[in-house]
Amino acid sequence: MKSTTIASAAILYFSLIHCVVAQLPRLGGVNTPGYEFTLYENGTFTNNPHTPPAAQFPHFSAEGANLYRVPWQQMTPVLGGSINTSFLAQYNATVQAALDSSADAHVIIDLHNYARWNGKIIAQGGPTNTQFASVWSQLSKFYGANDRLIFGIMNEPHDLDIAAWATSVQYVVNDIRAAGATNYLLIPGSNYTSAQYFPTYSGPHLLNLTDPLGGTGRLIFDVHKYLDSDNSGTHPDCVTNNVAILETLVHWLEASGNRQALLSETGGGNTASCKTFLGQELAYVNSTYPTLVGYSIWAAGAFDSSYVLSVTPFRNETDQSLWTNADIMTVAVLRVVMR
């Protein structure tokens, strides 16, 4: 009995050390969409995915990037059913290409369904929490226990009951841990997980979420914020550097038990205004580490280089002017030096 007690205490001790001491490094990189193409904000889709070019990962990693967000949808053809193994093999090849691009590359496994399936909100008239958690439970057994793989629980929930949504997220967190995964988890709010509204709307509800591993160090808040006039990320021009909004978020995080957030979507067009404002935003994000863990620019991947917010390299392997002139690479190099 005594030896069992000592062993149990030792396991608990090292579990606590793992949760407290382990910390994500400074992260900076790019979204690489494609697998979620033709998915709409109401959770409907026409199932026309495109594979992000694998050559982009070593390209960006050579310039200092160490974070890649890889969105996907409809990994389970039947709601709550088994993952399509053919799709998972294709998706996993992309994930592994990103991981292999550098020793410190991290990948966000991003479920991109806006908290919906065919127009209906999870646990609010749509899929049940059990059906929602099922896919993450399966992925946890496939991708668990790798600190370089971050689980993005859901992309941009919106127009929902935030208290009920917090219950859904807690359900998923519990199932992920029950499946044995210890990965960092990105916790999304409502309002398209807007950084602007997180401290006053989503955050107070999500602060109460718990991690069966203990502590909250592996629960990272997921925030988005674009720089155009309506924060939609659909216009080429930028009107703000978002620093005031991010300062408010940082103060809230610090006052809420020194919690952390990751800016997993931001970006702008290849315009003079965005080259200035995006550079200022990213410099601020880097200055606040570890409160703001890092950022991921939208977008490269399967987007053509003519896309309005494209940072997709050209065919001759040169970079978009936003990527170079907004000092994204300079910020990435500083991140590597300062980590």
C-alpha atoms as a PDB file:
ATOM      1  CA  MET A   1       0.000   0.000   0.000  1.00  0.00           C
ATOM      2  CA  LYS A   2       2.790   2.405   0.930  1.00  0.00           C
ATOM      3  CA  SER A   3       4.756   1.762  -2.277  1.00  0.00           C
ATOM      4  CA  THR A   4       1.588   2.236  -4.330  1.00  0.00           C
ATOM      5  CA  THR A   5       0.937   5.534  -2.579  1.00  0.00           C
ATOM      6  CA  ILE A   6       4.486   6.700  -3.240  1.00  0.00           C
ATOM      7  CA  ALA A   7       4.237   5.704  -6.896  1.00  0.00           C
ATOM      8  CA  SER A   8       0.903   7.496  -7.264  1.00  0.00           C
ATOM      9  CA  ALA A   9       2.346  10.591  -5.653  1.00  0.00           C
ATOM     10  CA  ALA A  10       5.315  10.494  -8.005  1.00  0.00           C
ATOM     11  CA  ILE A  11       3.047  10.232 -11.052  1.00  0.00           C
ATOM     12  CA  LEU A  12       0.972  13.164  -9.800  1.00  0.00           C
ATOM     13  CA  TYR A  13       4.117  15.194  -9.107  1.00  0.00           C
ATOM     14  CA  PHE A  14       5.578  14.704 -12.568  1.00  0.00           C
ATOM     15  CA  SER A  15       2.183  15.355 -14.180  1.00  0.00           C
ATOM     16  CA  LEU A  16       2.016  18.673 -12.355  1.00  0.00           C
ATOM     17  CA  ILE A  17       5.584  19.546 -13.344  1.00  0.00           C
ATOM     18  CA  HIS A  18       4.723  18.728 -16.973  1.00  0.00           C
ATOM     19  CA  CYS A  19       1.715  21.040 -16.883  1.00  0.00           C
ATOM     20  CA  VAL A  20       3.401  23.909 -15.060  1.00  0.00           C
ATOM     21  CA  VAL A  21       6.896  23.976 -16.572  1.00  0.00           C
ATOM     22  CA  ALA A  22       6.141  23.044 -20.186  1.00  0.00           C
ATOM     23  CA  GLN A  23       5.409  26.127 -22.268  1.00  0.00           C
ATOM     24  CA  LEU A  24       4.950  26.812 -25.923  1.00  0.00           C
ATOM     25  CA  PRO A  25       7.837  28.729 -27.521  1.00  0.00           C
ATOM     26  CA  ARG A  26       7.313  31.964 -29.378  1.00  0.00           C
ATOM     27  CA  LEU A  27       5.279  31.033 -32.428  1.00  0.00           C
ATOM     28  CA  GLY A  28       5.006  32.814 -35.748  1.00  0.00           C
ATOM     29  CA  GLY A  29       3.872  31.529 -39.099  1.00  0.00           C
ATOM     30  CA  VAL A  30       1.086  31.169 -41.599  1.00  0.00           C
ATOM     31  CA  ASN A  31      -2.267  29.537 -42.270  1.00  0.00           C
ATOM     32  CA  THR A  32      -2.109  26.947 -45.055  1.00  0.00           C
ATOM     33  CA  PRO A  33      -5.746  26.404 -46.102  1.00  0.00           C
ATOM     34  CA  GLY A  34      -7.111  24.050 -48.727  1.00  0.00           C
ATOM     35  CA  TYR A  35      -8.787  21.080 -47.086  1.00  0.00           C
ATOM     36  CA  GLU A  36     -11.672  23.289 -45.940  1.00  0.00           C
ATOM     37  CA  PHE A  37     -12.311  24.950 -49.323  1.00  0.00           C
ATOM     38  CA  THR A  38     -15.997  25.382 -50.200  1.00  0.00           C
ATOM     39  CA  LEU A  39     -16.961  25.310 -46.529  1.00  0.00           C
ATOM     40  CA  TYR A  40     -19.311  28.149 -45.609  1.00  0.00           C
ATOM     41  CA  GLU A  41     -19.923  30.023 -42.369  1.00  0.00           C
ATOM     42  CA  ASN A  42     -23.177  28.144 -41.752  1.00  0.00           C
ATOM     43  CA  GLY A  43     -21.320  24.827 -41.725  1.00  0.00           C
ATOM     44  CA  THR A  44     -22.444  23.658 -45.173  1.00  0.00           C
ATOM     45  CA  PHE A  45     -19.952  22.539 -47.796  1.00  0.00           C
ATOM     46  CA  THR A  46     -19.646  21.155 -51.306  1.00  0.00           C
ATOM     47  CA  ASN A  47     -16.656  18.940 -50.478  1.00  0.00           C
ATOM     48  CA  ASN A  48     -14.074  20.316 -52.903  1.00  0.00           C
ATOM     49  CA  PRO A  49     -10.836  20.256 -50.901  1.00  0.00           C
ATOM     50  CA  HIS A  50      -7.414  21.235 -52.228  1.00  0.00           C
ATOM     51  CA  THR A  51      -4.107  20.012 -50.846  1.00  0.00           C
ATOM     52  CA  PRO A  52      -1.802  22.812 -49.624  1.00  0.00           C
ATOM     53  CA  PRO A  53       1.526  22.660 -51.490  1.00  0.00           C
ATOM     54  CA  ALA A  54       4.062  20.832 -49.315  1.00  0.00           C
ATOM     55  CA  ALA A  55       6.915  22.960 -50.683  1.00  0.00           C
ATOM     56  CA  GLN A  56       5.596  25.976 -48.786  1.00  0.00           C
ATOM     57  CA  PHE A  57       6.596  24.565 -45.408  1.00  0.00           C
ATOM     58  CA  PRO A  58      10.369  24.409 -45.931  1.00  0.00           C
ATOM     59  CA  HIS A  59      10.129  27.730 -47.788  1.00  0.00           C
ATOM     60  CA  PHE A  60       8.621  29.543 -44.814  1.00  0.00           C
ATOM     61  CA  SER A  61      10.578  27.589 -42.187  1.00  0.00           C
ATOM     62  CA  ALA A  62      13.844  28.647 -43.836  1.00  0.00           C
ATOM     63  CA  GLU A  63      12.725  32.241 -43.242  1.00  0.00           C
ATOM     64  CA  GLY A  64      12.058  31.677 -39.527  1.00  0.00           C
ATOM     65  CA  ALA A  65       8.425  30.559 -39.426  1.00  0.00           C
ATOM     66  CA  ASN A  66       7.591  27.838 -36.905  1.00  0.00           C
ATOM     67  CA  LEU A  67       3.780  27.687 -36.917  1.00  0.00           C
ATOM     68  CA  TYR A  68       1.429  26.284 -39.560  1.00  0.00           C
ATOM     69  CA  ARG A  69      -2.337  26.171 -39.199  1.00  0.00           C
ATOM     70  CA  VAL A  70      -3.886  23.482 -41.398  1.00  0.00           C
ATOM     71  CA  PRO A  71      -7.718  23.786 -41.586  1.00  0.00           C
ATOM     72  CA  TRP A  72     -10.010  20.887 -42.450  1.00  0.00           C
ATOM     73  CA  GLN A  73     -13.697  19.902 -42.533  1.00  0.00           C
ATOM     74  CA  GLN A  74     -15.784  16.753 -43.020  1.00  0.00           C
ATOM     75  CA  MET A  75     -13.153  14.319 -41.765  1.00  0.00           C
ATOM     76  CA  THR A  76     -16.116  12.166 -40.705  1.00  0.00           C
ATOM     77  CA  PRO A  77     -18.540  11.677 -43.641  1.00  0.00           C
ATOM     78  CA  VAL A  78     -21.221  10.514 -41.192  1.00  0.00           C
ATOM     79  CA  LEU A  79     -21.900  12.868 -38.297  1.00  0.00           C
ATOM     80  CA  GLY A  80     -20.411  11.312 -35.165  1.00  0.00           C
ATOM     81  CA  GLY A  81     -19.018   8.424 -37.187  1.00  0.00           C
ATOM     82  CA  SER A  82     -15.538   7.147 -37.922  1.00  0.00           C
ATOM     83  CA  ILE A  83     -12.897   9.307 -39.566  1.00  0.00           C
ATOM     84  CA  ASN A  84     -12.419   8.721 -43.274  1.00  0.00           C
ATOM     85  CA  THR A  85      -9.044   6.964 -43.290  1.00  0.00           C
ATOM     86  CA  SER A  86      -8.223   8.009 -46.865  1.00  0.00           C
ATOM     87  CA  PHE A  87      -8.793  11.660 -46.040  1.00  0.00           C
ATOM     88  CA  LEU A  88      -6.835  11.370 -42.795  1.00  0.00           C
ATOM     89  CA  ALA A  89      -3.889   9.858 -44.667  1.00  0.00           C
ATOM     90  CA  GLN A  90      -3.927  12.778 -47.117  1.00  0.00           C
ATOM     91  CA  TYR A  91      -4.297  15.358 -44.358  1.00  0.00           C
ATOM     92  CA  ASN A  92      -1.618  13.722 -42.242  1.00  0.00           C
ATOM     93  CA  ALA A  93       0.865  13.870 -45.123  1.00  0.00           C
ATOM     94  CA  THR A  94       0.466  17.659 -45.041  1.00  0.00           C
ATOM     95  CA  VAL A  95       0.840  17.772 -41.258  1.00  0.00           C
ATOM     96  CA  GLN A  96       4.002  15.679 -41.401  1.00  0.00           C
ATOM     97  CA  ALA A  97       5.452  17.842 -44.184  1.00  0.00           C
ATOM     98  CA  ALA A  98       4.967  20.876 -41.952  1.00  0.00           C
ATOM     99  CA  LEU A  99       6.523  19.152 -38.929  1.00  0.00           C
ATOM    100  CA  ASP A 100       9.456  17.954 -41.006  1.00  0.00           C
ATOM    101  CA  SER A 101      10.213  21.452 -42.308  1.00  0.00           C
ATOM    102  CA  SER A 102      12.135  22.341 -39.131  1.00  0.00           C
ATOM    103  CA  ALA A 103      12.947  20.908 -35.732  1.00  0.00           C
ATOM    104  CA  ASP A 104      10.757  23.469 -33.976  1.00  0.00           C
ATOM    105  CA  ALA A 105       7.834  23.598 -36.423  1.00  0.00           C
ATOM    106  CA  HIS A 106       4.410  23.455 -34.766  1.00  0.00           C
ATOM    107  CA  VAL A 107       1.104  22.625 -36.464  1.00  0.00           C
ATOM    108  CA  ILE A 108      -2.425  23.640 -35.500  1.00  0.00           C
ATOM    109  CA  ILE A 109      -4.919  20.871 -36.337  1.00  0.00           C
ATOM    110  CA  ASP A 110      -7.825  23.186 -37.136  1.00  0.00           C
ATOM    111  CA  LEU A 111     -11.475  22.085 -37.281  1.00  0.00           C
ATOM    112  CA  HIS A 112     -12.931  24.818 -39.491  1.00  0.00           C
ATOM    113  CA  ASN A 113     -16.703  24.361 -39.150  1.00  0.00           C
ATOM    114  CA  TYR A 114     -17.781  27.586 -37.356  1.00  0.00           C
ATOM    115  CA  ALA A 115     -19.417  25.482 -34.584  1.00  0.00           C
ATOM    116  CA  ARG A 116     -21.926  24.218 -37.142  1.00  0.00           C
ATOM    117  CA  TRP A 117     -22.879  21.270 -39.315  1.00  0.00           C
ATOM    118  CA  ASN A 118     -25.197  21.893 -42.273  1.00  0.00           C
ATOM    119  CA  GLY A 119     -26.445  25.148 -40.823  1.00  0.00           C
ATOM    120  CA  LYS A 120     -27.142  23.921 -37.275  1.00  0.00           C
ATOM    121  CA  ILE A 121     -25.148  24.901 -34.184  1.00  0.00           C
ATOM    122  CA  ILE A 122     -23.434  22.277 -32.055  1.00  0.00           C
ATOM    123  CA  ALA A 123     -25.573  21.351 -29.030  1.00  0.00           C
ATOM    124  CA  GLN A 124     -27.907  24.237 -29.882  1.00  0.00           C
ATOM    125  CA  GLY A 125     -30.221  22.455 -32.301  1.00  0.00           C
ATOM    126  CA  GLY A 126     -27.452  20.768 -34.290  1.00  0.00           C
ATOM    127  CA  PRO A 127     -24.909  18.014 -33.585  1.00  0.00           C
ATOM    128  CA  THR A 128     -24.719  16.794 -30.007  1.00  0.00           C
ATOM    129  CA  ASN A 129     -21.683  17.374 -27.824  1.00  0.00           C
ATOM    130  CA  THR A 130     -21.000  13.640 -28.086  1.00  0.00           C
ATOM    131  CA  GLN A 131     -20.925  13.829 -31.879  1.00  0.00           C
ATOM    132  CA  PHE A 132     -18.694  16.908 -31.755  1.00  0.00           C
ATOM    133  CA  ALA A 133     -16.288  15.292 -29.309  1.00  0.00           C
ATOM    134  CA  SER A 134     -16.139  12.033 -31.253  1.00  0.00           C
ATOM    135  CA  VAL A 135     -13.884  13.378 -33.983  1.00  0.00           C
ATOM    136  CA  TRP A 136     -11.497  14.917 -31.446  1.00  0.00           C
ATOM    137  CA  SER A 137     -11.407  11.720 -29.444  1.00  0.00           C
ATOM    138  CA  GLN A 138     -10.375   9.839 -32.587  1.00  0.00           C
ATOM    139  CA  LEU A 139      -7.785  12.450 -33.536  1.00  0.00           C
ATOM    140  CA  SER A 140      -6.443  12.418 -29.986  1.00  0.00           C
ATOM    141  CA  LYS A 141      -5.562   8.756 -30.336  1.00  0.00           C
ATOM    142  CA  PHE A 142      -3.854   9.518 -33.655  1.00  0.00           C
ATOM    143  CA  TYR A 143      -2.087  12.793 -32.781  1.00  0.00           C
ATOM    144  CA  GLY A 144      -1.935  12.762 -28.975  1.00  0.00           C
ATOM    145  CA  ALA A 145       1.125  13.361 -26.796  1.00  0.00           C
ATOM    146  CA  ASN A 146       2.971  15.520 -29.349  1.00  0.00           C
ATOM    147  CA  ASP A 147       3.592  19.037 -28.043  1.00  0.00           C
ATOM    148  CA  ARG A 148       4.294  20.289 -31.566  1.00  0.00           C
ATOM    149  CA  LEU A 149       0.705  19.489 -32.567  1.00  0.00           C
ATOM    150  CA  ILE A 150      -1.839  21.975 -31.216  1.00  0.00           C
ATOM    151  CA  PHE A 151      -5.539  21.140 -31.356  1.00  0.00           C
ATOM    152  CA  GLY A 152      -7.662  24.002 -32.702  1.00  0.00           C
ATOM    153  CA  ILE A 153     -10.978  22.846 -31.279  1.00  0.00           C
ATOM    154  CA  MET A 154     -13.150  24.960 -33.588  1.00  0.00           C
ATOM    155  CA  ASN A 155     -12.658  27.797 -36.038  1.00  0.00           C
ATOM    156  CA  GLU A 156     -14.663  30.997 -35.545  1.00  0.00           C
ATOM    157  CA  PRO A 157     -17.860  30.075 -33.685  1.00  0.00           C
ATOM    158  CA  HIS A 158     -20.430  32.828 -34.111  1.00  0.00           C
ATOM    159  CA  ASP A 159     -24.021  33.825 -33.328  1.00  0.00           C
ATOM    160  CA  LEU A 160     -24.547  31.295 -30.570  1.00  0.00           C
ATOM    161  CA  ASP A 161     -25.272  31.016 -26.857  1.00  0.00           C
ATOM    162  CA  ILE A 162     -21.841  31.473 -25.291  1.00  0.00           C
ATOM    163  CA  ALA A 163     -22.686  29.719 -22.014  1.00  0.00           C
ATOM    164  CA  ALA A 164     -23.890  26.653 -23.902  1.00  0.00           C
ATOM    165  CA  TRP A 165     -20.843  26.838 -26.153  1.00  0.00           C
ATOM    166  CA  ALA A 166     -18.530  26.849 -23.119  1.00  0.00           C
ATOM    167  CA  THR A 167     -20.230  23.630 -21.991  1.00  0.00           C
ATOM    168  CA  SER A 168     -19.583  22.099 -25.426  1.00  0.00           C
ATOM    169  CA  VAL A 169     -15.916  23.054 -25.344  1.00  0.00           C
ATOM    170  CA  GLN A 170     -15.504  21.603 -21.846  1.00  0.00           C
ATOM    171  CA  TYR A 171     -17.073  18.364 -23.092  1.00  0.00           C
ATOM    172  CA  VAL A 172     -14.489  18.161 -25.881  1.00  0.00           C
ATOM    173  CA  VAL A 173     -11.582  18.986 -23.563  1.00  0.00           C
ATOM    174  CA  ASN A 174     -12.648  16.164 -21.250  1.00  0.00           C
ATOM    175  CA  ASP A 175     -12.917  13.667 -24.120  1.00  0.00           C
ATOM    176  CA  ILE A 176      -9.527  14.662 -25.539  1.00  0.00           C
ATOM    177  CA  ARG A 177      -7.884  14.044 -22.185  1.00  0.00           C
ATOM    178  CA  ALA A 178      -9.834  10.811 -21.652  1.00  0.00           C
ATOM    179  CA  ALA A 179      -8.374   9.597 -24.956  1.00  0.00           C
ATOM    180  CA  GLY A 180      -4.885  10.133 -23.544  1.00  0.00           C
ATOM    181  CA  ALA A 181      -3.846  13.276 -25.458  1.00  0.00           C
ATOM    182  CA  THR A 182      -1.797  15.915 -23.635  1.00  0.00           C
ATOM    183  CA  ASN A 183      -1.577  18.408 -26.524  1.00  0.00           C
ATOM    184  CA  TYR A 184      -2.055  22.138 -26.111  1.00  0.00           C
ATOM    185  CA  LEU A 185      -5.652  23.085 -26.909  1.00  0.00           C
ATOM    186  CA  LEU A 186      -6.892  26.303 -28.536  1.00  0.00           C
ATOM    187  CA  ILE A 187     -10.097  27.451 -26.838  1.00  0.00           C
ATOM    188  CA  PRO A 188     -12.339  29.536 -29.154  1.00  0.00           C
ATOM    189  CA  GLY A 189     -14.960  32.088 -28.213  1.00  0.00           C
ATOM    190  CA  SER A 190     -17.934  33.449 -30.130  1.00  0.00           C
ATOM    191  CA  ASN A 191     -18.088  36.532 -32.394  1.00  0.00           C
ATOM    192  CA  TYR A 192     -15.749  34.644 -34.761  1.00  0.00           C
ATOM    193  CA  THR A 193     -13.475  34.327 -31.693  1.00  0.00           C
ATOM    194  CA  SER A 194     -12.746  38.049 -32.006  1.00  0.00           C
ATOM    195  CA  ALA A 195      -9.869  39.387 -29.917  1.00  0.00           C
ATOM    196  CA  GLN A 196     -11.846  42.609 -29.517  1.00  0.00           C
ATOM    197  CA  TYR A 197     -14.816  41.007 -27.751  1.00  0.00           C
ATOM    198  CA  PHE A 198     -13.019  38.201 -25.969  1.00  0.00           C
ATOM    199  CA  PRO A 199     -12.396  40.022 -22.654  1.00  0.00           C
ATOM    200  CA  THR A 200     -16.014  41.116 -22.223  1.00  0.00           C
ATOM    201  CA  TYR A 201     -18.105  38.434 -23.940  1.00  0.00           C
ATOM    202  CA  SER A 202     -16.478  35.050 -24.517  1.00  0.00           C
ATOM    203  CA  GLY A 203     -13.670  35.166 -21.995  1.00  0.00           C
ATOM    204  CA  PRO A 204     -15.667  35.326 -18.762  1.00  0.00           C
ATOM    205  CA  HIS A 205     -17.436  32.087 -19.702  1.00  0.00           C
ATOM    206  CA  LEU A 206     -14.362  30.265 -20.989  1.00  0.00           C
ATOM    207  CA  LEU A 207     -12.249  31.175 -17.960  1.00  0.00           C
ATOM    208  CA  ASN A 208     -14.177  28.564 -15.991  1.00  0.00           C
ATOM    209  CA  LEU A 209     -13.072  25.691 -18.215  1.00  0.00           C
ATOM    210  CA  THR A 210     -10.856  23.129 -16.515  1.00  0.00           C
ATOM    211  CA  ASP A 211      -8.223  20.722 -17.784  1.00  0.00           C
ATOM    212  CA  PRO A 212      -8.264  17.160 -16.392  1.00  0.00           C
ATOM    213  CA  LEU A 213      -4.451  17.289 -16.614  1.00  0.00           C
ATOM    214  CA  GLY A 214      -4.497  19.976 -13.936  1.00  0.00           C
ATOM    215  CA  GLY A 215      -3.965  23.706 -14.212  1.00  0.00           C
ATOM    216  CA  THR A 216      -4.804  25.758 -17.291  1.00  0.00           C
ATOM    217  CA  GLY A 217      -1.367  26.041 -18.900  1.00  0.00           C
ATOM    218  CA  ARG A 218      -2.387  23.824 -21.813  1.00  0.00           C
ATOM    219  CA  LEU A 219      -5.653  25.677 -22.491  1.00  0.00           C
ATOM    220  CA  ILE A 220      -4.709  28.580 -24.776  1.00  0.00           C
ATOM    221  CA  PHE A 221      -7.381  31.045 -25.858  1.00  0.00           C
ATOM    222  CA  ASP A 222      -7.802  31.239 -29.633  1.00  0.00           C
ATOM    223  CA  VAL A 223      -8.347  34.762 -31.021  1.00  0.00           C
ATOM    224  CA  HIS A 224      -8.661  36.320 -34.469  1.00  0.00           C
ATOM    225  CA  LYS A 225      -8.378  39.945 -35.556  1.00  0.00           C
ATOM    226  CA  TYR A 226      -8.042  41.407 -39.019  1.00  0.00           C
ATOM    227  CA  LEU A 227      -6.964  44.922 -39.906  1.00  0.00           C
ATOM    228  CA  ASP A 228      -9.533  46.012 -42.503  1.00  0.00           C
ATOM    229  CA  SER A 229     -12.462  48.348 -41.941  1.00  0.00           C
ATOM    230  CA  ASP A 230     -14.995  45.716 -40.819  1.00  0.00           C
ATOM    231  CA  ASN A 231     -12.620  43.080 -39.379  1.00  0.00           C
ATOM    232  CA  SER A 232     -13.732  40.605 -42.052  1.00  0.00           C
ATOM    233  CA  GLY A 233     -10.400  39.921 -43.692  1.00  0.00           C
ATOM    234  CA  THR A 234     -11.939  40.502 -47.117  1.00  0.00           C
ATOM    235  CA  HIS A 235     -10.479  43.890 -48.062  1.00  0.00           C
ATOM    236  CA  PRO A 236      -6.970  44.677 -49.298  1.00  0.00           C
ATOM    237  CA  ASP A 237      -6.501  47.847 -47.251  1.00  0.00           C
ATOM    238  CA  CYS A 238      -5.777  48.065 -43.526  1.00  0.00           C
ATOM    239  CA  VAL A 239      -7.091  50.826 -41.252  1.00  0.00           C
ATOM    240  CA  THR A 240      -5.579  49.852 -37.870  1.00  0.00           C
ATOM    241  CA  ASN A 241      -2.666  48.048 -36.272  1.00  0.00           C
ATOM    242  CA  ASN A 242      -4.969  46.507 -33.603  1.00  0.00           C
ATOM    243  CA  VAL A 243      -2.473  47.372 -30.855  1.00  0.00           C
ATOM    244  CA  ALA A 244      -5.058  49.073 -28.622  1.00  0.00           C
ATOM    245  CA  ILE A 245      -7.391  46.064 -28.887  1.00  0.00           C
ATOM    246  CA  LEU A 246      -4.570  43.619 -28.195  1.00  0.00           C
ATOM    247  CA  GLU A 247      -3.410  45.691 -25.216  1.00  0.00           C
ATOM    248  CA  THR A 248      -6.890  45.351 -23.708  1.00  0.00           C
ATOM    249  CA  LEU A 249      -6.779  41.606 -24.315  1.00  0.00           C
ATOM    250  CA  VAL A 250      -3.329  41.294 -22.735  1.00  0.00           C
ATOM    251  CA  HIS A 251      -4.393  43.234 -19.638  1.00  0.00           C
ATOM    252  CA  TRP A 252      -7.435  40.978 -19.271  1.00  0.00           C
ATOM    253  CA  LEU A 253      -5.354  37.832 -19.679  1.00  0.00           C
ATOM    254  CA  GLU A 254      -2.870  38.998 -17.065  1.00  0.00           C
ATOM    255  CA  ALA A 255      -5.628  39.968 -14.639  1.00  0.00           C
ATOM    256  CA  SER A 256      -7.337  36.599 -15.184  1.00  0.00           C
ATOM    257  CA  GLY A 257      -4.563  34.478 -13.759  1.00  0.00           C
ATOM    258  CA  ASN A 258      -1.868  35.158 -16.371  1.00  0.00           C
ATOM    259  CA  ARG A 259      -3.691  33.213 -19.063  1.00  0.00           C
ATOM    260  CA  GLN A 260      -2.419  32.987 -22.646  1.00  0.00           C
ATOM    261  CA  ALA A 261      -3.838  33.513 -26.125  1.00  0.00           C
ATOM    262  CA  LEU A 262      -2.721  32.867 -29.682  1.00  0.00           C
ATOM    263  CA  LEU A 263      -3.634  35.108 -32.626  1.00  0.00           C
ATOM    264  CA  SER A 264      -4.316  32.286 -35.074  1.00  0.00           C
ATOM    265  CA  GLU A 265      -5.769  34.479 -37.835  1.00  0.00           C
ATOM    266  CA  THR A 266      -4.755  37.963 -38.877  1.00  0.00           C
ATOM    267  CA  GLY A 267      -3.594  39.506 -42.113  1.00  0.00           C
ATOM    268  CA  GLY A 268      -4.040  42.076 -44.816  1.00  0.00           C
ATOM    269  CA  GLY A 269      -3.569  42.786 -48.497  1.00  0.00           C
ATOM    270  CA  ASN A 270      -0.381  43.537 -50.363  1.00  0.00           C
ATOM    271  CA  THR A 271      -0.920  47.277 -49.869  1.00  0.00           C
ATOM    272  CA  ALA A 272       1.103  50.049 -48.300  1.00  0.00           C
ATOM    273  CA  SER A 273      -1.304  50.415 -45.368  1.00  0.00           C
ATOM    274  CA  CYS A 274      -1.136  46.718 -44.488  1.00  0.00           C
ATOM    275  CA  LYS A 275       2.635  46.564 -44.805  1.00  0.00           C
ATOM    276  CA  THR A 276       2.813  49.242 -42.116  1.00  0.00           C
ATOM    277  CA  PHE A 277      -0.030  48.205 -39.809  1.00  0.00           C
ATOM    278  CA  LEU A 278       0.529  44.437 -39.941  1.00  0.00           C
ATOM    279  CA  GLY A 279       4.199  44.909 -39.110  1.00  0.00           C
ATOM    280  CA  GLN A 280       3.245  47.022 -36.075  1.00  0.00           C
ATOM    281  CA  GLU A 281       0.697  44.430 -34.943  1.00  0.00           C
ATOM    282  CA  LEU A 282       3.130  41.512 -35.152  1.00  0.00           C
ATOM    283  CA  ALA A 283       5.851  43.461 -33.362  1.00  0.00           C
ATOM    284  CA  TYR A 284       3.416  44.064 -30.504  1.00  0.00           C
ATOM    285  CA  VAL A 285       2.400  40.405 -30.372  1.00  0.00           C
ATOM    286  CA  ASN A 286       6.038  39.382 -30.096  1.00  0.00           C
ATOM    287  CA  SER A 287       6.683  41.949 -27.367  1.00  0.00           C
ATOM    288  CA  THR A 288       3.969  40.449 -25.139  1.00  0.00           C
ATOM    289  CA  TYR A 289       5.208  36.837 -25.080  1.00  0.00           C
ATOM    290  CA  PRO A 290       4.346  34.631 -23.251  1.00  0.00           C
ATOM    291  CA  THR A 291       0.915  36.239 -22.724  1.00  0.00           C
ATOM    292  CA  LEU A 292       0.386  36.282 -26.476  1.00  0.00           C
ATOM    293  CA  VAL A 293       2.084  33.090 -27.601  1.00  0.00           C
ATOM    294  CA  GLY A 294       2.287  34.080 -31.248  1.00  0.00           C
ATOM    295  CA  TYR A 295       0.459  34.547 -34.536  1.00  0.00           C
ATOM    296  CA  SER A 296      -0.480  32.867 -37.794  1.00  0.00           C
ATOM    297  CA  ILE A 297      -0.955  34.993 -40.924  1.00  0.00           C
ATOM    298  CA  TRP A 298      -3.931  34.365 -43.244  1.00  0.00           C
ATOM    299  CA  ALA A 299      -3.072  32.940 -45.765  1.00  0.00           C
ATOM    300  CA  ALA A 300      -0.931  30.844 -48.086  1.00  0.00           C
ATOM    301  CA  GLY A 301      -1.633  27.143 -48.720  1.00  0.00           C
ATOM    302  CA  ALA A 302      -3.836  26.353 -51.710  1.00  0.00           C
ATOM    303  CA  PHE A 303      -4.781  29.995 -52.274  1.00  0.00           C
ATOM    304  CA  ASP A 304      -3.549  31.410 -55.551  1.00  0.00           C
ATOM    305  CA  SER A 305      -0.990  34.195 -55.297  1.00  0.00           C
ATOM    306  CA  SER A 306      -3.680  36.601 -56.610  1.00  0.00           C
ATOM    307  CA  TYR A 307      -5.980  36.051 -53.577  1.00  0.00           C
ATOM    308  CA  VAL A 308      -6.710  39.352 -51.819  1.00  0.00           C
ATOM    309  CA  LEU A 309      -4.883  38.405 -48.589  1.00  0.00           C
ATOM    310  CA  SER A 310      -2.364  36.089 -50.198  1.00  0.00           C
ATOM    311  CA  VAL A 311       1.090  35.460 -48.799  1.00  0.00           C
ATOM    312  CA  THR A 312       1.449  32.450 -51.125  1.00  0.00           C
ATOM    313  CA  PRO A 313       4.907  32.518 -52.709  1.00  0.00           C
ATOM    314  CA  PHE A 314       5.058  33.106 -56.442  1.00  0.00           C
ATOM    315  CA  ARG A 315       5.980  30.311 -58.819  1.00  0.00           C
ATOM    316  CA  ASN A 316       9.562  31.580 -58.944  1.00  0.00           C
ATOM    317  CA  GLU A 317       9.650  31.092 -55.129  1.00  0.00           C
ATOM    318  CA  THR A 318       9.845  34.804 -54.348  1.00  0.00           C
ATOM    319  CA  ASP A 319       7.601  36.156 -51.606  1.00  0.00           C
ATOM    320  CA  GLN A 320       4.610  38.444 -51.661  1.00  0.00           C
ATOM    321  CA  SER A 321       5.483  42.051 -50.872  1.00  0.00           C
ATOM    322  CA  LEU A 322       3.367  41.941 -47.684  1.00  0.00           C
ATOM    323  CA  TRP A 323       5.449  39.051 -46.353  1.00  0.00           C
ATOM    324  CA  THR A 324       8.702  40.939 -46.924  1.00  0.00           C
ATOM    325  CA  ASN A 325       7.729  44.589 -46.435  1.00  0.00           C
ATOM    326  CA  ALA A 326       5.609  44.108 -43.306  1.00  0.00           C
ATOM    327  CA  ASP A 327       8.806  42.746 -41.710  1.00  0.00           C
ATOM    328  CA  ILE A 328       7.134  39.386 -41.090  1.00  0.00           C
ATOM    329  CA  MET A 329      10.434  37.629 -41.724  1.00  0.00           C
ATOM    330  CA  THR A 330      12.311  40.112 -39.517  1.00  0.00           C
ATOM    331  CA  VAL A 331       9.819  39.537 -36.722  1.00  0.00           C
ATOM    332  CA  ALA A 332      10.168  35.780 -37.188  1.00  0.00           C
ATOM    333  CA  VAL A 333      13.964  36.008 -36.938  1.00  0.00           C
ATOM    334  CA  LEU A 334      13.654  38.114 -33.761  1.00  0.00           C
ATOM    335  CA  ARG A 335      11.263  35.480 -32.397  1.00  0.00           C
ATOM    336  CA  VAL A 336      13.853  32.776 -32.969  1.00  0.00           C
ATOM    337  CA  VAL A 337      16.617  34.813 -31.318  1.00  0.00           C
ATOM    338  CA  MET A 338      14.484  35.786 -28.305  1.00  0.00           C
ATOM    339  CA  ARG A 339      12.783  32.481 -27.565  1.00  0.00           C
END
